Amino acid sequence: MQRIKYTVHGRVQGVGFRAYVQRNARQIGVRGYVRNRSDGTVECMAAGTAEQQAQLLACLRQGPPVSMVRNVEQQTTTYEPDDSFDIT
């Protein structure tokens, strides 16, 4: 089980990005959360297998049609998720 904190930069607030991530994360089967940050980025904490994390990263890099993702930072973490994937 990998636990990764993603920070997504670009036009990612006010474009349905969190709902897009939640929908995809639940389909992929990762657990965690996604939230807007005050600096204009989106933070995503996710726990899942290496394959699930790779699928989630691809979704984060793509984003919904009206978003514009410039960069996705990744950092391993000890985060312990609940049994779901939520928007906070």
PDB file of N, CA and C in Angstrom:
ATOM      1  N   MET A   1       0.853  -1.188   0.000  1.00  0.00           N
ATOM      2  CA  MET A   1       0.000   0.000   0.000  1.00  0.00           C
ATOM      3  C   MET A   1       0.887   1.236   0.000  1.00  0.00           C
ATOM      4  N   GLN A   2       0.725   2.062  -0.997  1.00  0.00           N
ATOM      5  CA  GLN A   2       1.446   3.320  -1.076  1.00  0.00           C
ATOM      6  C   GLN A   2       0.548   4.453  -0.608  1.00  0.00           C
ATOM      7  N   ARG A   3       1.141   5.396   0.105  1.00  0.00           N
ATOM      8  CA  ARG A   3       0.418   6.585   0.566  1.00  0.00           C
ATOM      9  C   ARG A   3       1.144   7.796  -0.003  1.00  0.00           C
ATOM     10  N   ILE A   4       0.426   8.562  -0.828  1.00  0.00           N
ATOM     11  CA  ILE A   4       1.055   9.676  -1.529  1.00  0.00           C
ATOM     12  C   ILE A   4       0.216  10.942  -1.385  1.00  0.00           C
ATOM     13  N   LYS A   5       0.917  12.048  -1.148  1.00  0.00           N
ATOM     14  CA  LYS A   5       0.291  13.370  -1.151  1.00  0.00           C
ATOM     15  C   LYS A   5       0.624  14.006  -2.504  1.00  0.00           C
ATOM     16  N   TYR A   6      -0.414  14.403  -3.226  1.00  0.00           N
ATOM     17  CA  TYR A   6      -0.258  15.079  -4.504  1.00  0.00           C
ATOM     18  C   TYR A   6      -0.643  16.548  -4.332  1.00  0.00           C
ATOM     19  N   THR A   7       0.122  17.435  -4.935  1.00  0.00           N
ATOM     20  CA  THR A   7      -0.230  18.850  -4.991  1.00  0.00           C
ATOM     21  C   THR A   7      -0.327  19.211  -6.461  1.00  0.00           C
ATOM     22  N   VAL A   8      -1.512  19.649  -6.889  1.00  0.00           N
ATOM     23  CA  VAL A   8      -1.779  19.915  -8.302  1.00  0.00           C
ATOM     24  C   VAL A   8      -1.797  21.423  -8.520  1.00  0.00           C
ATOM     25  N   HIS A   9      -0.969  21.886  -9.455  1.00  0.00           N
ATOM     26  CA  HIS A   9      -0.834  23.309  -9.777  1.00  0.00           C
ATOM     27  C   HIS A   9      -1.474  23.591 -11.130  1.00  0.00           C
ATOM     28  N   GLY A  10      -1.993  24.778 -11.281  1.00  0.00           N
ATOM     29  CA  GLY A  10      -2.585  25.205 -12.545  1.00  0.00           C
ATOM     30  C   GLY A  10      -3.961  25.804 -12.310  1.00  0.00           C
ATOM     31  N   ARG A  11      -4.796  25.762 -13.340  1.00  0.00           N
ATOM     32  CA  ARG A  11      -6.190  26.203 -13.195  1.00  0.00           C
ATOM     33  C   ARG A  11      -6.986  24.987 -12.736  1.00  0.00           C
ATOM     34  N   VAL A  12      -7.041  24.804 -11.417  1.00  0.00           N
ATOM     35  CA  VAL A  12      -7.630  23.589 -10.851  1.00  0.00           C
ATOM     36  C   VAL A  12      -8.700  23.882  -9.792  1.00  0.00           C
ATOM     37  N   GLN A  13      -9.020  25.146  -9.584  1.00  0.00           N
ATOM     38  CA  GLN A  13     -10.107  25.490  -8.670  1.00  0.00           C
ATOM     39  C   GLN A  13     -11.213  26.178  -9.458  1.00  0.00           C
ATOM     40  N   GLY A  14     -12.448  25.851  -9.113  1.00  0.00           N
ATOM     41  CA  GLY A  14     -13.598  26.452  -9.782  1.00  0.00           C
ATOM     42  C   GLY A  14     -13.902  25.834 -11.133  1.00  0.00           C
ATOM     43  N   VAL A  15     -13.337  24.653 -11.389  1.00  0.00           N
ATOM     44  CA  VAL A  15     -13.524  23.991 -12.692  1.00  0.00           C
ATOM     45  C   VAL A  15     -14.022  22.555 -12.544  1.00  0.00           C
ATOM     46  N   GLY A  16     -14.476  22.182 -11.345  1.00  0.00           N
ATOM     47  CA  GLY A  16     -14.966  20.817 -11.118  1.00  0.00           C
ATOM     48  C   GLY A  16     -13.863  19.807 -10.891  1.00  0.00           C
ATOM     49  N   PHE A  17     -12.681  20.278 -10.551  1.00  0.00           N
ATOM     50  CA  PHE A  17     -11.527  19.382 -10.410  1.00  0.00           C
ATOM     51  C   PHE A  17     -11.706  18.385  -9.263  1.00  0.00           C
ATOM     52  N   ARG A  18     -12.168  18.847  -8.109  1.00  0.00           N
ATOM     53  CA  ARG A  18     -12.309  17.933  -6.963  1.00  0.00           C
ATOM     54  C   ARG A  18     -13.329  16.837  -7.236  1.00  0.00           C
ATOM     55  N   ALA A  19     -14.452  17.183  -7.835  1.00  0.00           N
ATOM     56  CA  ALA A  19     -15.467  16.166  -8.157  1.00  0.00           C
ATOM     57  C   ALA A  19     -14.918  15.164  -9.176  1.00  0.00           C
ATOM     58  N   TYR A  20     -14.158  15.664 -10.141  1.00  0.00           N
ATOM     59  CA  TYR A  20     -13.515  14.805 -11.144  1.00  0.00           C
ATOM     60  C   TYR A  20     -12.560  13.816 -10.461  1.00  0.00           C
ATOM     61  N   VAL A  21     -11.744  14.324  -9.533  1.00  0.00           N
ATOM     62  CA  VAL A  21     -10.791  13.463  -8.835  1.00  0.00           C
ATOM     63  C   VAL A  21     -11.525  12.441  -7.977  1.00  0.00           C
ATOM     64  N   GLN A  22     -12.546  12.883  -7.259  1.00  0.00           N
ATOM     65  CA  GLN A  22     -13.294  11.956  -6.405  1.00  0.00           C
ATOM     66  C   GLN A  22     -13.919  10.832  -7.227  1.00  0.00           C
ATOM     67  N   ARG A  23     -14.553  11.183  -8.318  1.00  0.00           N
ATOM     68  CA  ARG A  23     -15.195  10.181  -9.179  1.00  0.00           C
ATOM     69  C   ARG A  23     -14.171   9.162  -9.687  1.00  0.00           C
ATOM     70  N   ASN A  24     -13.047   9.645 -10.177  1.00  0.00           N
ATOM     71  CA  ASN A  24     -12.012   8.752 -10.706  1.00  0.00           C
ATOM     72  C   ASN A  24     -11.348   7.932  -9.607  1.00  0.00           C
ATOM     73  N   ALA A  25     -11.066   8.556  -8.474  1.00  0.00           N
ATOM     74  CA  ALA A  25     -10.426   7.841  -7.369  1.00  0.00           C
ATOM     75  C   ALA A  25     -11.306   6.696  -6.878  1.00  0.00           C
ATOM     76  N   ARG A  26     -12.604   6.939  -6.784  1.00  0.00           N
ATOM     77  CA  ARG A  26     -13.510   5.871  -6.352  1.00  0.00           C
ATOM     78  C   ARG A  26     -13.559   4.737  -7.372  1.00  0.00           C
ATOM     79  N   GLN A  27     -13.527   5.062  -8.654  1.00  0.00           N
ATOM     80  CA  GLN A  27     -13.507   4.022  -9.686  1.00  0.00           C
ATOM     81  C   GLN A  27     -12.210   3.221  -9.631  1.00  0.00           C
ATOM     82  N   ILE A  28     -11.117   3.895  -9.381  1.00  0.00           N
ATOM     83  CA  ILE A  28      -9.814   3.236  -9.306  1.00  0.00           C
ATOM     84  C   ILE A  28      -9.697   2.399  -8.038  1.00  0.00           C
ATOM     85  N   GLY A  29     -10.336   2.854  -6.961  1.00  0.00           N
ATOM     86  CA  GLY A  29     -10.325   2.109  -5.707  1.00  0.00           C
ATOM     87  C   GLY A  29      -9.346   2.626  -4.664  1.00  0.00           C
ATOM     88  N   VAL A  30      -8.825   3.854  -4.848  1.00  0.00           N
ATOM     89  CA  VAL A  30      -7.954   4.423  -3.819  1.00  0.00           C
ATOM     90  C   VAL A  30      -8.807   5.057  -2.725  1.00  0.00           C
ATOM     91  N   ARG A  31      -8.208   5.226  -1.567  1.00  0.00           N
ATOM     92  CA  ARG A  31      -8.876   5.865  -0.441  1.00  0.00           C
ATOM     93  C   ARG A  31      -8.150   7.153  -0.123  1.00  0.00           C
ATOM     94  N   GLY A  32      -8.876   8.136   0.421  1.00  0.00           N
ATOM     95  CA  GLY A  32      -8.247   9.391   0.797  1.00  0.00           C
ATOM     96  C   GLY A  32      -9.176  10.571   0.647  1.00  0.00           C
ATOM     97  N   TYR A  33      -8.615  11.709   0.222  1.00  0.00           N
ATOM     98  CA  TYR A  33      -9.434  12.916   0.062  1.00  0.00           C
ATOM     99  C   TYR A  33      -8.788  13.853  -0.944  1.00  0.00           C
ATOM    100  N   VAL A  34      -9.584  14.827  -1.371  1.00  0.00           N
ATOM    101  CA  VAL A  34      -9.105  15.911  -2.223  1.00  0.00           C
ATOM    102  C   VAL A  34      -9.692  17.207  -1.678  1.00  0.00           C
ATOM    103  N   ARG A  35      -8.894  18.289  -1.698  1.00  0.00           N
ATOM    104  CA  ARG A  35      -9.377  19.570  -1.194  1.00  0.00           C
ATOM    105  C   ARG A  35      -8.644  20.729  -1.877  1.00  0.00           C
ATOM    106  N   ASN A  36      -9.314  21.867  -1.908  1.00  0.00           N
ATOM    107  CA  ASN A  36      -8.695  23.105  -2.383  1.00  0.00           C
ATOM    108  C   ASN A  36      -7.805  23.648  -1.284  1.00  0.00           C
ATOM    109  N   ARG A  37      -6.714  24.276  -1.703  1.00  0.00           N
ATOM    110  CA  ARG A  37      -5.835  24.959  -0.757  1.00  0.00           C
ATOM    111  C   ARG A  37      -5.905  26.465  -1.019  1.00  0.00           C
ATOM    112  N   SER A  38      -5.601  27.239  -0.005  1.00  0.00           N
ATOM    113  CA  SER A  38      -5.717  28.693  -0.119  1.00  0.00           C
ATOM    114  C   SER A  38      -4.750  29.301  -1.130  1.00  0.00           C
ATOM    115  N   ASP A  39      -3.692  28.580  -1.504  1.00  0.00           N
ATOM    116  CA  ASP A  39      -2.730  29.101  -2.474  1.00  0.00           C
ATOM    117  C   ASP A  39      -3.130  28.831  -3.922  1.00  0.00           C
ATOM    118  N   GLY A  40      -4.348  28.274  -4.145  1.00  0.00           N
ATOM    119  CA  GLY A  40      -4.843  28.025  -5.494  1.00  0.00           C
ATOM    120  C   GLY A  40      -4.542  26.634  -6.024  1.00  0.00           C
ATOM    121  N   THR A  41      -3.828  25.824  -5.253  1.00  0.00           N
ATOM    122  CA  THR A  41      -3.558  24.451  -5.659  1.00  0.00           C
ATOM    123  C   THR A  41      -4.642  23.523  -5.128  1.00  0.00           C
ATOM    124  N   VAL A  42      -4.596  22.281  -5.560  1.00  0.00           N
ATOM    125  CA  VAL A  42      -5.468  21.229  -5.031  1.00  0.00           C
ATOM    126  C   VAL A  42      -4.570  20.178  -4.400  1.00  0.00           C
ATOM    127  N   GLU A  43      -4.929  19.769  -3.186  1.00  0.00           N
ATOM    128  CA  GLU A  43      -4.200  18.728  -2.471  1.00  0.00           C
ATOM    129  C   GLU A  43      -4.999  17.439  -2.532  1.00  0.00           C
ATOM    130  N   CYS A  44      -4.318  16.348  -2.802  1.00  0.00           N
ATOM    131  CA  CYS A  44      -4.955  15.036  -2.854  1.00  0.00           C
ATOM    132  C   CYS A  44      -4.105  14.068  -2.043  1.00  0.00           C
ATOM    133  N   MET A  45      -4.707  13.442  -1.057  1.00  0.00           N
ATOM    134  CA  MET A  45      -4.039  12.403  -0.278  1.00  0.00           C
ATOM    135  C   MET A  45      -4.657  11.083  -0.697  1.00  0.00           C
ATOM    136  N   ALA A  46      -3.819  10.117  -1.053  1.00  0.00           N
ATOM    137  CA  ALA A  46      -4.348   8.869  -1.580  1.00  0.00           C
ATOM    138  C   ALA A  46      -3.548   7.670  -1.082  1.00  0.00           C
ATOM    139  N   ALA A  47      -4.263   6.604  -0.779  1.00  0.00           N
ATOM    140  CA  ALA A  47      -3.651   5.340  -0.381  1.00  0.00           C
ATOM    141  C   ALA A  47      -4.147   4.260  -1.332  1.00  0.00           C
ATOM    142  N   GLY A  48      -3.214   3.508  -1.898  1.00  0.00           N
ATOM    143  CA  GLY A  48      -3.577   2.445  -2.827  1.00  0.00           C
ATOM    144  C   GLY A  48      -2.331   1.728  -3.314  1.00  0.00           C
ATOM    145  N   THR A  49      -2.536   0.766  -4.177  1.00  0.00           N
ATOM    146  CA  THR A  49      -1.415   0.025  -4.736  1.00  0.00           C
ATOM    147  C   THR A  49      -0.638   0.899  -5.717  1.00  0.00           C
ATOM    148  N   ALA A  50       0.520   0.439  -6.120  1.00  0.00           N
ATOM    149  CA  ALA A  50       1.327   1.189  -7.088  1.00  0.00           C
ATOM    150  C   ALA A  50       0.551   1.390  -8.386  1.00  0.00           C
ATOM    151  N   GLU A  51      -0.170   0.379  -8.834  1.00  0.00           N
ATOM    152  CA  GLU A  51      -0.961   0.487 -10.062  1.00  0.00           C
ATOM    153  C   GLU A  51      -2.083   1.509  -9.904  1.00  0.00           C
ATOM    154  N   GLN A  52      -2.764   1.481  -8.767  1.00  0.00           N
ATOM    155  CA  GLN A  52      -3.828   2.451  -8.518  1.00  0.00           C
ATOM    156  C   GLN A  52      -3.273   3.865  -8.465  1.00  0.00           C
ATOM    157  N   GLN A  53      -2.112   4.037  -7.837  1.00  0.00           N
ATOM    158  CA  GLN A  53      -1.503   5.365  -7.754  1.00  0.00           C
ATOM    159  C   GLN A  53      -1.114   5.870  -9.142  1.00  0.00           C
ATOM    160  N   ALA A  54      -0.619   4.983  -9.997  1.00  0.00           N
ATOM    161  CA  ALA A  54      -0.267   5.381 -11.364  1.00  0.00           C
ATOM    162  C   ALA A  54      -1.506   5.825 -12.136  1.00  0.00           C
ATOM    163  N   GLN A  55      -2.623   5.127 -11.952  1.00  0.00           N
ATOM    164  CA  GLN A  55      -3.868   5.503 -12.617  1.00  0.00           C
ATOM    165  C   GLN A  55      -4.367   6.852 -12.098  1.00  0.00           C
ATOM    166  N   LEU A  56      -4.294   7.055 -10.781  1.00  0.00           N
ATOM    167  CA  LEU A  56      -4.729   8.322 -10.197  1.00  0.00           C
ATOM    168  C   LEU A  56      -3.852   9.466 -10.688  1.00  0.00           C
ATOM    169  N   LEU A  57      -2.549   9.257 -10.730  1.00  0.00           N
ATOM    170  CA  LEU A  57      -1.644  10.301 -11.211  1.00  0.00           C
ATOM    171  C   LEU A  57      -1.981  10.702 -12.644  1.00  0.00           C
ATOM    172  N   ALA A  58      -2.297   9.730 -13.483  1.00  0.00           N
ATOM    173  CA  ALA A  58      -2.687  10.042 -14.864  1.00  0.00           C
ATOM    174  C   ALA A  58      -3.942  10.907 -14.887  1.00  0.00           C
ATOM    175  N   CYS A  59      -4.906  10.611 -14.011  1.00  0.00           N
ATOM    176  CA  CYS A  59      -6.130  11.421 -13.925  1.00  0.00           C
ATOM    177  C   CYS A  59      -5.818  12.832 -13.438  1.00  0.00           C
ATOM    178  N   LEU A  60      -4.959  12.946 -12.436  1.00  0.00           N
ATOM    179  CA  LEU A  60      -4.597  14.264 -11.914  1.00  0.00           C
ATOM    180  C   LEU A  60      -3.904  15.100 -12.969  1.00  0.00           C
ATOM    181  N   ARG A  61      -3.056  14.477 -13.754  1.00  0.00           N
ATOM    182  CA  ARG A  61      -2.341  15.211 -14.807  1.00  0.00           C
ATOM    183  C   ARG A  61      -3.277  15.661 -15.930  1.00  0.00           C
ATOM    184  N   GLN A  62      -4.321  14.886 -16.181  1.00  0.00           N
ATOM    185  CA  GLN A  62      -5.259  15.236 -17.253  1.00  0.00           C
ATOM    186  C   GLN A  62      -6.268  16.279 -16.782  1.00  0.00           C
ATOM    187  N   GLY A  63      -6.938  16.015 -15.670  1.00  0.00           N
ATOM    188  CA  GLY A  63      -7.959  16.923 -15.155  1.00  0.00           C
ATOM    189  C   GLY A  63      -9.186  16.954 -16.037  1.00  0.00           C
ATOM    190  N   PRO A  64     -10.256  17.602 -15.563  1.00  0.00           N
ATOM    191  CA  PRO A  64     -11.462  17.741 -16.375  1.00  0.00           C
ATOM    192  C   PRO A  64     -11.194  18.699 -17.540  1.00  0.00           C
ATOM    193  N   PRO A  65     -12.075  18.710 -18.550  1.00  0.00           N
ATOM    194  CA  PRO A  65     -11.825  19.484 -19.777  1.00  0.00           C
ATOM    195  C   PRO A  65     -11.511  20.969 -19.580  1.00  0.00           C
ATOM    196  N   VAL A  66     -12.132  21.637 -18.607  1.00  0.00           N
ATOM    197  CA  VAL A  66     -11.912  23.082 -18.461  1.00  0.00           C
ATOM    198  C   VAL A  66     -10.726  23.426 -17.560  1.00  0.00           C
ATOM    199  N   SER A  67     -10.082  22.439 -16.993  1.00  0.00           N
ATOM    200  CA  SER A  67      -8.915  22.707 -16.151  1.00  0.00           C
ATOM    201  C   SER A  67      -7.657  22.819 -17.014  1.00  0.00           C
ATOM    202  N   MET A  68      -6.586  23.286 -16.390  1.00  0.00           N
ATOM    203  CA  MET A  68      -5.287  23.323 -17.052  1.00  0.00           C
ATOM    204  C   MET A  68      -4.230  22.969 -16.000  1.00  0.00           C
ATOM    205  N   VAL A  69      -3.803  21.731 -15.992  1.00  0.00           N
ATOM    206  CA  VAL A  69      -2.831  21.259 -15.017  1.00  0.00           C
ATOM    207  C   VAL A  69      -1.427  21.593 -15.519  1.00  0.00           C
ATOM    208  N   ARG A  70      -0.684  22.320 -14.707  1.00  0.00           N
ATOM    209  CA  ARG A  70       0.699  22.673 -15.059  1.00  0.00           C
ATOM    210  C   ARG A  70       1.700  21.685 -14.477  1.00  0.00           C
ATOM    211  N   ASN A  71       1.436  21.235 -13.241  1.00  0.00           N
ATOM    212  CA  ASN A  71       2.406  20.387 -12.551  1.00  0.00           C
ATOM    213  C   ASN A  71       1.698  19.607 -11.449  1.00  0.00           C
ATOM    214  N   VAL A  72       2.174  18.388 -11.209  1.00  0.00           N
ATOM    215  CA  VAL A  72       1.682  17.586 -10.091  1.00  0.00           C
ATOM    216  C   VAL A  72       2.893  17.147  -9.273  1.00  0.00           C
ATOM    217  N   GLU A  73       2.984  17.646  -8.049  1.00  0.00           N
ATOM    218  CA  GLU A  73       4.054  17.243  -7.135  1.00  0.00           C
ATOM    219  C   GLU A  73       3.595  16.011  -6.362  1.00  0.00           C
ATOM    220  N   GLN A  74       4.547  15.128  -6.042  1.00  0.00           N
ATOM    221  CA  GLN A  74       4.245  13.924  -5.277  1.00  0.00           C
ATOM    222  C   GLN A  74       5.176  13.818  -4.085  1.00  0.00           C
ATOM    223  N   GLN A  75       4.619  13.361  -2.965  1.00  0.00           N
ATOM    224  CA  GLN A  75       5.410  13.179  -1.760  1.00  0.00           C
ATOM    225  C   GLN A  75       4.853  11.981  -1.003  1.00  0.00           C
ATOM    226  N   THR A  76       5.689  11.036  -0.628  1.00  0.00           N
ATOM    227  CA  THR A  76       5.205   9.913   0.168  1.00  0.00           C
ATOM    228  C   THR A  76       4.860  10.422   1.563  1.00  0.00           C
ATOM    229  N   THR A  77       3.907   9.751   2.189  1.00  0.00           N
ATOM    230  CA  THR A  77       3.411  10.192   3.490  1.00  0.00           C
ATOM    231  C   THR A  77       3.003   8.981   4.308  1.00  0.00           C
ATOM    232  N   THR A  78       2.729   9.196   5.570  1.00  0.00           N
ATOM    233  CA  THR A  78       2.247   8.135   6.454  1.00  0.00           C
ATOM    234  C   THR A  78       0.751   8.260   6.694  1.00  0.00           C
ATOM    235  N   TYR A  79       0.088   9.042   5.869  1.00  0.00           N
ATOM    236  CA  TYR A  79      -1.347   9.299   5.984  1.00  0.00           C
ATOM    237  C   TYR A  79      -2.144   7.997   6.101  1.00  0.00           C
ATOM    238  N   GLU A  80      -3.064   7.939   7.034  1.00  0.00           N
ATOM    239  CA  GLU A  80      -3.957   6.790   7.227  1.00  0.00           C
ATOM    240  C   GLU A  80      -5.377   7.190   6.834  1.00  0.00           C
ATOM    241  N   PRO A  81      -5.859   6.755   5.678  1.00  0.00           N
ATOM    242  CA  PRO A  81      -7.175   7.177   5.193  1.00  0.00           C
ATOM    243  C   PRO A  81      -8.329   6.419   5.829  1.00  0.00           C
ATOM    244  N   ASP A  82      -9.516   7.012   5.692  1.00  0.00           N
ATOM    245  CA  ASP A  82     -10.749   6.304   6.015  1.00  0.00           C
ATOM    246  C   ASP A  82     -10.996   5.279   4.903  1.00  0.00           C
ATOM    247  N   ASP A  83     -12.147   4.674   4.913  1.00  0.00           N
ATOM    248  CA  ASP A  83     -12.467   3.649   3.921  1.00  0.00           C
ATOM    249  C   ASP A  83     -13.130   4.211   2.671  1.00  0.00           C
ATOM    250  N   SER A  84     -12.992   5.502   2.411  1.00  0.00           N
ATOM    251  CA  SER A  84     -13.632   6.105   1.250  1.00  0.00           C
ATOM    252  C   SER A  84     -12.708   7.146   0.643  1.00  0.00           C
ATOM    253  N   PHE A  85     -13.200   7.835  -0.376  1.00  0.00           N
ATOM    254  CA  PHE A  85     -12.467   8.951  -0.960  1.00  0.00           C
ATOM    255  C   PHE A  85     -13.424  10.136  -0.983  1.00  0.00           C
ATOM    256  N   ASP A  86     -13.065  11.183  -0.258  1.00  0.00           N
ATOM    257  CA  ASP A  86     -13.984  12.302  -0.034  1.00  0.00           C
ATOM    258  C   ASP A  86     -13.424  13.628  -0.510  1.00  0.00           C
ATOM    259  N   ILE A  87     -14.324  14.570  -0.693  1.00  0.00           N
ATOM    260  CA  ILE A  87     -13.979  15.967  -0.922  1.00  0.00           C
ATOM    261  C   ILE A  87     -14.063  16.647   0.437  1.00  0.00           C
ATOM    262  N   THR A  88     -13.000  17.331   0.835  1.00  0.00           N
ATOM    263  CA  THR A  88     -13.023  18.006   2.145  1.00  0.00           C
ATOM    264  C   THR A  88     -12.882  19.505   1.962  1.00  0.00           C
TER     265      THR A  88
END
